Amino acid sequence: MSLKESRADKTFTIVNYIVLFVLFILVAYPLIFVISASFSSSQAIIQGKVVLLPVEFNLEGYKAVFAYASIMTGFGNSFFYMTVGTLLNVVLTVMIAYPLSRNRLIGKRFISLMLVFTMVFNAGLIPNYLLIRGLNLIDTRAVMIIPKALNVWNVMIAITYFRTTMPGELLEAARIDGCDDFTFIGKVVLPLSKPILAVITLFYAVEHWNSFFDAMIYLKTESLRPLQIVLREILVQNQISMDMIASMDPESLAVKENLATLLKYSLIIISSLPLMILYPFIQKHFVAGIMVGSVKG
């Protein structure tokens, strides 16, 4: 019996590895192809020569990215929206989640119901636009930050984390030592909440960095547009300005189209770098934070 079980376990392990390897290939190959294409020549991409490794290695696509003013302006705008927006998001999330995790908060149930209500019901696009216009936020940087200042789902995750990892006895012990609520949050709660802070920081950062729909609706000035709008114009609408390739002295429409093809892949890599750089720094806290904040309680 033990021999049969051992063989069954080995068979299961082998099948598991095969399935996971196939899934890994399906997920990793598109990324590898985009990276290889960004370092290949436009002719090699058009002719379908790029399969796994770069063909006719060159950096023309990246040169065009850094030479185009709209791309760099969009990159700076996206970085600003992500940095300022994420900082505001995390501060507000902690400010509302920690009090709601304490049983002695007056009106806790009503506040929680109001938060959940916003997750279920939404006024819709037109009422939201009228509200933002009434607040004079149209075509301002604040419109990309303030309307998304708080995500109720992240608040619920943080509430669960604080409730399960910050027992009331810890607060009582701190009060005996003369610690008030603000000191307790700054010196006890926040240092012990690195996992959940890392999780919500990543969630908020990804949301801000990938945001483009709000910019399409509320932003009119090109100098305020995030990188995702520029990326959308190039990838979806296939729009490319001659300024983008002015430094390369294009002589024909074919040159412009070839460079546009190459530029798409280079711009995808550039637009993905900030989050790819951010993730390794918070990865060690990510699993612990998301599991404690969502499964327990």
Protein backbone atom coordinates (compact mmCIF):
# COMPACT_ATOMS: atom_id res chain seq x y z
CA MET A 1 0.00 0.00 0.00
CA SER A 2 2.79 2.40 0.92
CA LEU A 3 4.60 1.61 -2.35
CA LYS A 4 1.45 2.39 -4.37
CA GLU A 5 0.95 5.63 -2.46
CA SER A 6 4.55 6.57 -3.07
CA ARG A 7 4.16 6.00 -6.80
CA ALA A 8 0.92 7.99 -6.80
CA ASP A 9 2.65 10.85 -5.01
CA LYS A 10 5.48 10.81 -7.51
CA THR A 11 3.04 10.76 -10.42
CA PHE A 12 1.12 13.66 -8.93
CA THR A 13 4.34 15.62 -8.42
CA ILE A 14 5.49 15.02 -11.99
CA VAL A 15 2.13 16.03 -13.45
CA ASN A 16 2.09 19.07 -11.18
CA TYR A 17 5.51 20.19 -12.39
CA ILE A 18 4.53 19.68 -16.02
CA VAL A 19 1.34 21.73 -15.65
CA LEU A 20 3.16 24.50 -13.77
CA PHE A 21 5.92 24.56 -16.39
CA VAL A 22 3.39 24.88 -19.22
CA LEU A 23 1.63 27.71 -17.36
CA PHE A 24 4.98 29.40 -16.79
CA ILE A 25 5.78 29.25 -20.51
CA LEU A 26 2.36 30.67 -21.41
CA VAL A 27 2.84 33.57 -19.00
CA ALA A 28 6.56 34.23 -19.53
CA TYR A 29 6.81 33.95 -23.31
CA PRO A 30 4.81 37.11 -24.18
CA LEU A 31 7.01 39.11 -21.81
CA ILE A 32 10.19 37.60 -23.23
CA PHE A 33 8.97 38.29 -26.76
CA VAL A 34 8.22 41.95 -25.98
CA ILE A 35 11.65 42.40 -24.41
CA SER A 36 13.38 40.73 -27.37
CA ALA A 37 11.35 42.73 -29.88
CA SER A 38 12.24 46.01 -28.16
CA PHE A 39 15.93 45.26 -28.77
CA SER A 40 15.46 44.04 -32.36
CA SER A 41 15.26 45.92 -35.64
CA SER A 42 11.90 46.96 -36.99
CA GLN A 43 12.44 44.90 -40.15
CA ALA A 44 13.07 41.76 -38.13
CA ILE A 45 9.84 42.34 -36.19
CA ILE A 46 7.75 42.97 -39.31
CA GLN A 47 9.18 39.90 -41.06
CA GLY A 48 8.45 37.71 -38.02
CA LYS A 49 12.08 36.77 -37.35
CA VAL A 50 11.88 37.54 -33.62
CA VAL A 51 10.86 34.41 -31.73
CA LEU A 52 12.82 34.23 -28.49
CA LEU A 53 16.05 36.23 -28.74
CA PRO A 54 16.65 39.71 -30.23
CA VAL A 55 17.39 39.81 -33.95
CA GLU A 56 19.68 42.55 -35.37
CA PHE A 57 20.20 44.11 -31.94
CA ASN A 58 19.68 47.88 -31.74
CA LEU A 59 18.43 50.57 -29.36
CA GLU A 60 16.57 52.77 -31.84
CA GLY A 61 13.23 52.21 -30.11
CA TYR A 62 14.56 53.34 -26.74
CA LYS A 63 16.29 56.34 -28.32
CA ALA A 64 12.96 57.39 -29.82
CA VAL A 65 11.20 56.96 -26.46
CA PHE A 66 13.61 59.26 -24.64
CA ALA A 67 13.68 61.74 -27.54
CA TYR A 68 9.91 62.22 -27.59
CA ALA A 69 8.82 64.97 -25.20
CA SER A 70 5.24 63.71 -24.74
CA ILE A 71 6.42 60.31 -23.53
CA MET A 72 8.79 61.77 -20.95
CA THR A 73 6.14 64.25 -19.80
CA GLY A 74 3.62 61.43 -19.47
CA PHE A 75 6.15 59.34 -17.56
CA GLY A 76 6.75 62.20 -15.12
CA ASN A 77 3.02 62.78 -14.69
CA SER A 78 2.33 59.11 -14.02
CA PHE A 79 5.16 58.97 -11.50
CA PHE A 80 3.76 62.06 -9.75
CA TYR A 81 0.21 60.68 -9.65
CA MET A 82 1.45 57.32 -8.39
CA THR A 83 3.75 58.76 -5.68
CA VAL A 84 1.46 61.46 -4.29
CA GLY A 85 -1.70 59.42 -4.77
CA THR A 86 -0.31 56.29 -3.12
CA LEU A 87 1.01 58.29 -0.15
CA LEU A 88 -2.41 59.90 0.35
CA ASN A 89 -4.15 56.53 -0.09
CA VAL A 90 -2.04 54.76 2.52
CA VAL A 91 -2.38 57.58 5.06
CA LEU A 92 -6.17 57.75 4.71
CA THR A 93 -6.51 53.96 4.75
CA VAL A 94 -4.62 53.67 8.02
CA MET A 95 -6.50 56.64 9.50
CA ILE A 96 -9.89 55.03 8.89
CA ALA A 97 -9.00 51.33 9.17
CA TYR A 98 -7.32 51.42 12.57
CA PRO A 99 -10.19 53.18 14.43
CA LEU A 100 -12.70 50.81 12.80
CA SER A 101 -10.68 47.85 14.06
CA ARG A 102 -11.22 48.97 17.69
CA ASN A 103 -14.41 47.83 19.42
CA ARG A 104 -14.79 51.00 21.49
CA LEU A 105 -15.30 53.31 18.47
CA ILE A 106 -18.71 55.01 18.65
CA GLY A 107 -20.71 54.63 15.44
CA LYS A 108 -18.38 51.95 14.12
CA ARG A 109 -21.19 49.85 12.65
CA PHE A 110 -22.80 52.79 10.84
CA ILE A 111 -19.47 53.93 9.36
CA SER A 112 -18.71 50.39 8.19
CA LEU A 113 -22.13 50.12 6.52
CA MET A 114 -21.57 53.42 4.73
CA LEU A 115 -18.25 52.18 3.42
CA VAL A 116 -19.75 48.91 2.19
CA PHE A 117 -22.63 50.86 0.62
CA THR A 118 -20.17 52.64 -1.68
CA MET A 119 -18.88 49.27 -2.88
CA VAL A 120 -22.36 48.10 -3.89
CA PHE A 121 -23.91 51.28 -5.29
CA ASN A 122 -22.36 53.80 -7.65
CA ALA A 123 -23.91 57.00 -9.00
CA GLY A 124 -22.57 56.37 -12.50
CA LEU A 125 -20.29 58.14 -14.92
CA ILE A 126 -22.39 61.24 -15.67
CA PRO A 127 -23.21 62.12 -12.02
CA ASN A 128 -19.56 61.63 -11.12
CA TYR A 129 -18.50 63.95 -13.93
CA LEU A 130 -21.00 66.59 -12.81
CA LEU A 131 -19.74 66.30 -9.24
CA ILE A 132 -16.09 66.66 -10.25
CA ARG A 133 -16.95 69.58 -12.50
CA GLY A 134 -18.82 71.20 -9.62
CA LEU A 135 -15.72 70.83 -7.45
CA ASN A 136 -13.62 72.56 -10.15
CA LEU A 137 -11.34 69.55 -10.51
CA ILE A 138 -11.64 69.21 -14.29
CA ASP A 139 -8.29 69.44 -16.05
CA THR A 140 -6.24 69.56 -12.84
CA ARG A 141 -3.72 67.19 -11.33
CA ALA A 142 -5.96 66.76 -8.30
CA VAL A 143 -8.62 64.99 -10.38
CA MET A 144 -6.25 62.03 -10.78
CA ILE A 145 -5.70 61.78 -7.01
CA ILE A 146 -8.62 63.02 -4.91
CA PRO A 147 -11.51 60.98 -6.42
CA LYS A 148 -9.46 57.79 -5.79
CA ALA A 149 -8.17 58.81 -2.38
CA LEU A 150 -9.68 55.76 -0.67
CA ASN A 151 -10.38 52.21 -1.76
CA VAL A 152 -12.91 50.49 0.51
CA TRP A 153 -11.65 47.01 -0.35
CA ASN A 154 -8.17 47.91 0.88
CA VAL A 155 -9.72 49.45 3.99
CA MET A 156 -11.48 46.16 4.78
CA ILE A 157 -8.24 44.22 4.36
CA ALA A 158 -6.44 46.65 6.68
CA ILE A 159 -9.24 46.49 9.27
CA THR A 160 -8.99 42.71 9.39
CA TYR A 161 -5.21 42.89 9.75
CA PHE A 162 -5.32 45.42 12.59
CA ARG A 163 -8.05 43.46 14.35
CA THR A 164 -6.18 40.15 14.24
CA THR A 165 -2.63 41.37 14.91
CA MET A 166 -3.18 44.32 17.26
CA PRO A 167 -5.06 42.95 20.32
CA GLY A 168 -6.67 45.32 22.78
CA GLU A 169 -4.26 44.15 25.49
CA LEU A 170 -1.38 45.65 23.52
CA LEU A 171 -3.06 49.06 23.56
CA GLU A 172 -3.84 48.77 27.27
CA ALA A 173 -0.22 47.92 28.05
CA ALA A 174 0.93 50.93 26.02
CA ARG A 175 -1.48 53.20 27.89
CA ILE A 176 -0.12 52.02 31.22
CA ASP A 177 3.26 53.27 30.02
CA GLY A 178 1.72 56.67 29.24
CA CYS A 179 1.26 56.17 25.48
CA ASP A 180 -1.61 58.01 23.78
CA ASP A 181 -3.39 56.86 20.61
CA PHE A 182 -1.22 58.80 18.15
CA THR A 183 2.00 57.63 19.79
CA PHE A 184 0.69 54.07 19.83
CA ILE A 185 -0.08 54.20 16.10
CA GLY A 186 3.27 55.75 15.21
CA LYS A 187 5.52 53.62 17.41
CA VAL A 188 3.63 50.33 17.69
CA VAL A 189 0.97 49.88 15.01
CA LEU A 190 2.88 51.09 11.95
CA PRO A 191 6.15 49.20 12.68
CA LEU A 192 4.14 45.99 13.19
CA SER A 193 2.03 46.58 10.07
CA LYS A 194 4.73 46.44 7.39
CA PRO A 195 3.13 43.44 5.60
CA ILE A 196 -0.29 45.03 5.17
CA LEU A 197 1.22 48.43 4.36
CA ALA A 198 3.29 46.79 1.64
CA VAL A 199 0.20 45.10 0.21
CA ILE A 200 -2.00 48.19 0.05
CA THR A 201 0.93 50.29 -1.20
CA LEU A 202 1.37 47.92 -4.14
CA PHE A 203 -2.37 47.83 -4.85
CA TYR A 204 -2.66 51.61 -4.82
CA ALA A 205 0.54 52.12 -6.83
CA VAL A 206 -0.60 49.74 -9.57
CA GLU A 207 -4.02 51.41 -9.68
CA HIS A 208 -2.51 54.88 -10.10
CA TRP A 209 0.15 53.83 -12.59
CA ASN A 210 -2.31 52.00 -14.85
CA SER A 211 -5.01 54.66 -14.63
CA PHE A 212 -6.03 56.07 -18.01
CA PHE A 213 -9.85 56.19 -18.13
CA ASP A 214 -10.08 59.09 -15.67
CA ALA A 215 -7.46 60.97 -17.66
CA MET A 216 -9.44 60.45 -20.89
CA ILE A 217 -12.55 61.95 -19.30
CA TYR A 218 -11.25 64.69 -17.03
CA LEU A 219 -7.95 65.90 -18.52
CA LYS A 220 -7.82 68.14 -21.59
CA THR A 221 -4.32 69.62 -21.33
CA GLU A 222 -1.69 67.37 -22.92
CA SER A 223 0.95 68.38 -20.38
CA LEU A 224 -1.16 66.76 -17.61
CA ARG A 225 -1.76 63.43 -19.34
CA PRO A 226 -0.27 60.27 -17.78
CA LEU A 227 1.93 57.86 -19.66
CA GLN A 228 -0.90 55.39 -20.19
CA ILE A 229 -2.75 57.85 -22.45
CA VAL A 230 0.34 58.25 -24.63
CA LEU A 231 0.76 54.49 -24.67
CA ARG A 232 -2.88 54.04 -25.65
CA GLU A 233 -2.54 56.43 -28.57
CA ILE A 234 0.44 54.52 -29.91
CA LEU A 235 -0.75 50.95 -29.27
CA VAL A 236 -4.50 51.22 -29.83
CA GLN A 237 -5.03 54.24 -32.03
CA ASN A 238 -1.67 53.81 -33.81
CA GLN A 239 -0.92 57.52 -33.57
CA ILE A 240 2.69 58.63 -33.69
CA SER A 241 3.93 62.17 -34.02
CA MET A 242 6.69 63.15 -36.40
CA ASP A 243 8.37 64.82 -33.44
CA MET A 244 9.02 61.36 -32.09
CA ILE A 245 11.37 60.54 -34.93
CA ALA A 246 12.57 64.00 -35.85
CA SER A 247 16.07 63.24 -34.67
CA MET A 248 16.30 60.30 -37.08
CA ASP A 249 15.63 62.27 -40.25
CA PRO A 250 12.84 60.09 -41.71
CA GLU A 251 12.70 60.14 -45.48
CA SER A 252 9.55 58.18 -46.10
CA LEU A 253 6.33 57.00 -44.56
CA ALA A 254 7.77 53.48 -44.35
CA VAL A 255 10.49 54.67 -41.98
CA LYS A 256 7.86 56.23 -39.74
CA GLU A 257 5.72 53.08 -39.71
CA ASN A 258 8.71 50.84 -39.00
CA LEU A 259 9.78 52.99 -36.09
CA ALA A 260 6.21 53.08 -34.76
CA THR A 261 6.21 49.29 -34.70
CA LEU A 262 9.51 49.20 -32.79
CA LEU A 263 8.46 52.00 -30.48
CA LYS A 264 5.43 50.07 -29.25
CA TYR A 265 7.56 47.34 -27.71
CA SER A 266 10.11 49.73 -26.22
CA LEU A 267 7.36 51.84 -24.66
CA ILE A 268 5.72 48.77 -23.10
CA ILE A 269 8.99 47.93 -21.35
CA ILE A 270 9.55 51.52 -20.20
CA SER A 271 6.01 51.80 -18.84
CA SER A 272 6.36 48.54 -16.90
CA LEU A 273 9.71 49.31 -15.25
CA PRO A 274 8.54 51.28 -12.16
CA LEU A 275 6.24 48.52 -10.91
CA MET A 276 8.79 45.83 -11.78
CA ILE A 277 11.35 47.72 -9.70
CA LEU A 278 8.90 48.31 -6.83
CA TYR A 279 7.67 44.75 -6.44
CA PRO A 280 10.93 43.04 -5.28
CA PHE A 281 11.22 45.46 -2.35
CA ILE A 282 7.80 44.55 -0.95
CA GLN A 283 7.53 40.95 -2.17
CA LYS A 284 8.68 39.49 1.15
CA HIS A 285 5.78 41.21 2.93
CA PHE A 286 3.21 40.63 0.21
CA VAL A 287 2.14 37.04 0.91
CA ALA A 288 1.96 37.50 4.68
CA GLY A 289 0.03 40.73 4.41
CA ILE A 290 -2.56 39.59 1.90
CA MET A 291 -3.18 36.27 3.69
CA VAL A 292 -3.56 37.77 7.17
CA GLY A 293 -5.62 40.68 5.90
CA SER A 294 -8.07 38.69 3.81
CA VAL A 295 -8.38 35.13 5.18
CA LYS A 296 -8.45 35.61 8.94
CA GLY A 297 -11.36 37.28 10.66
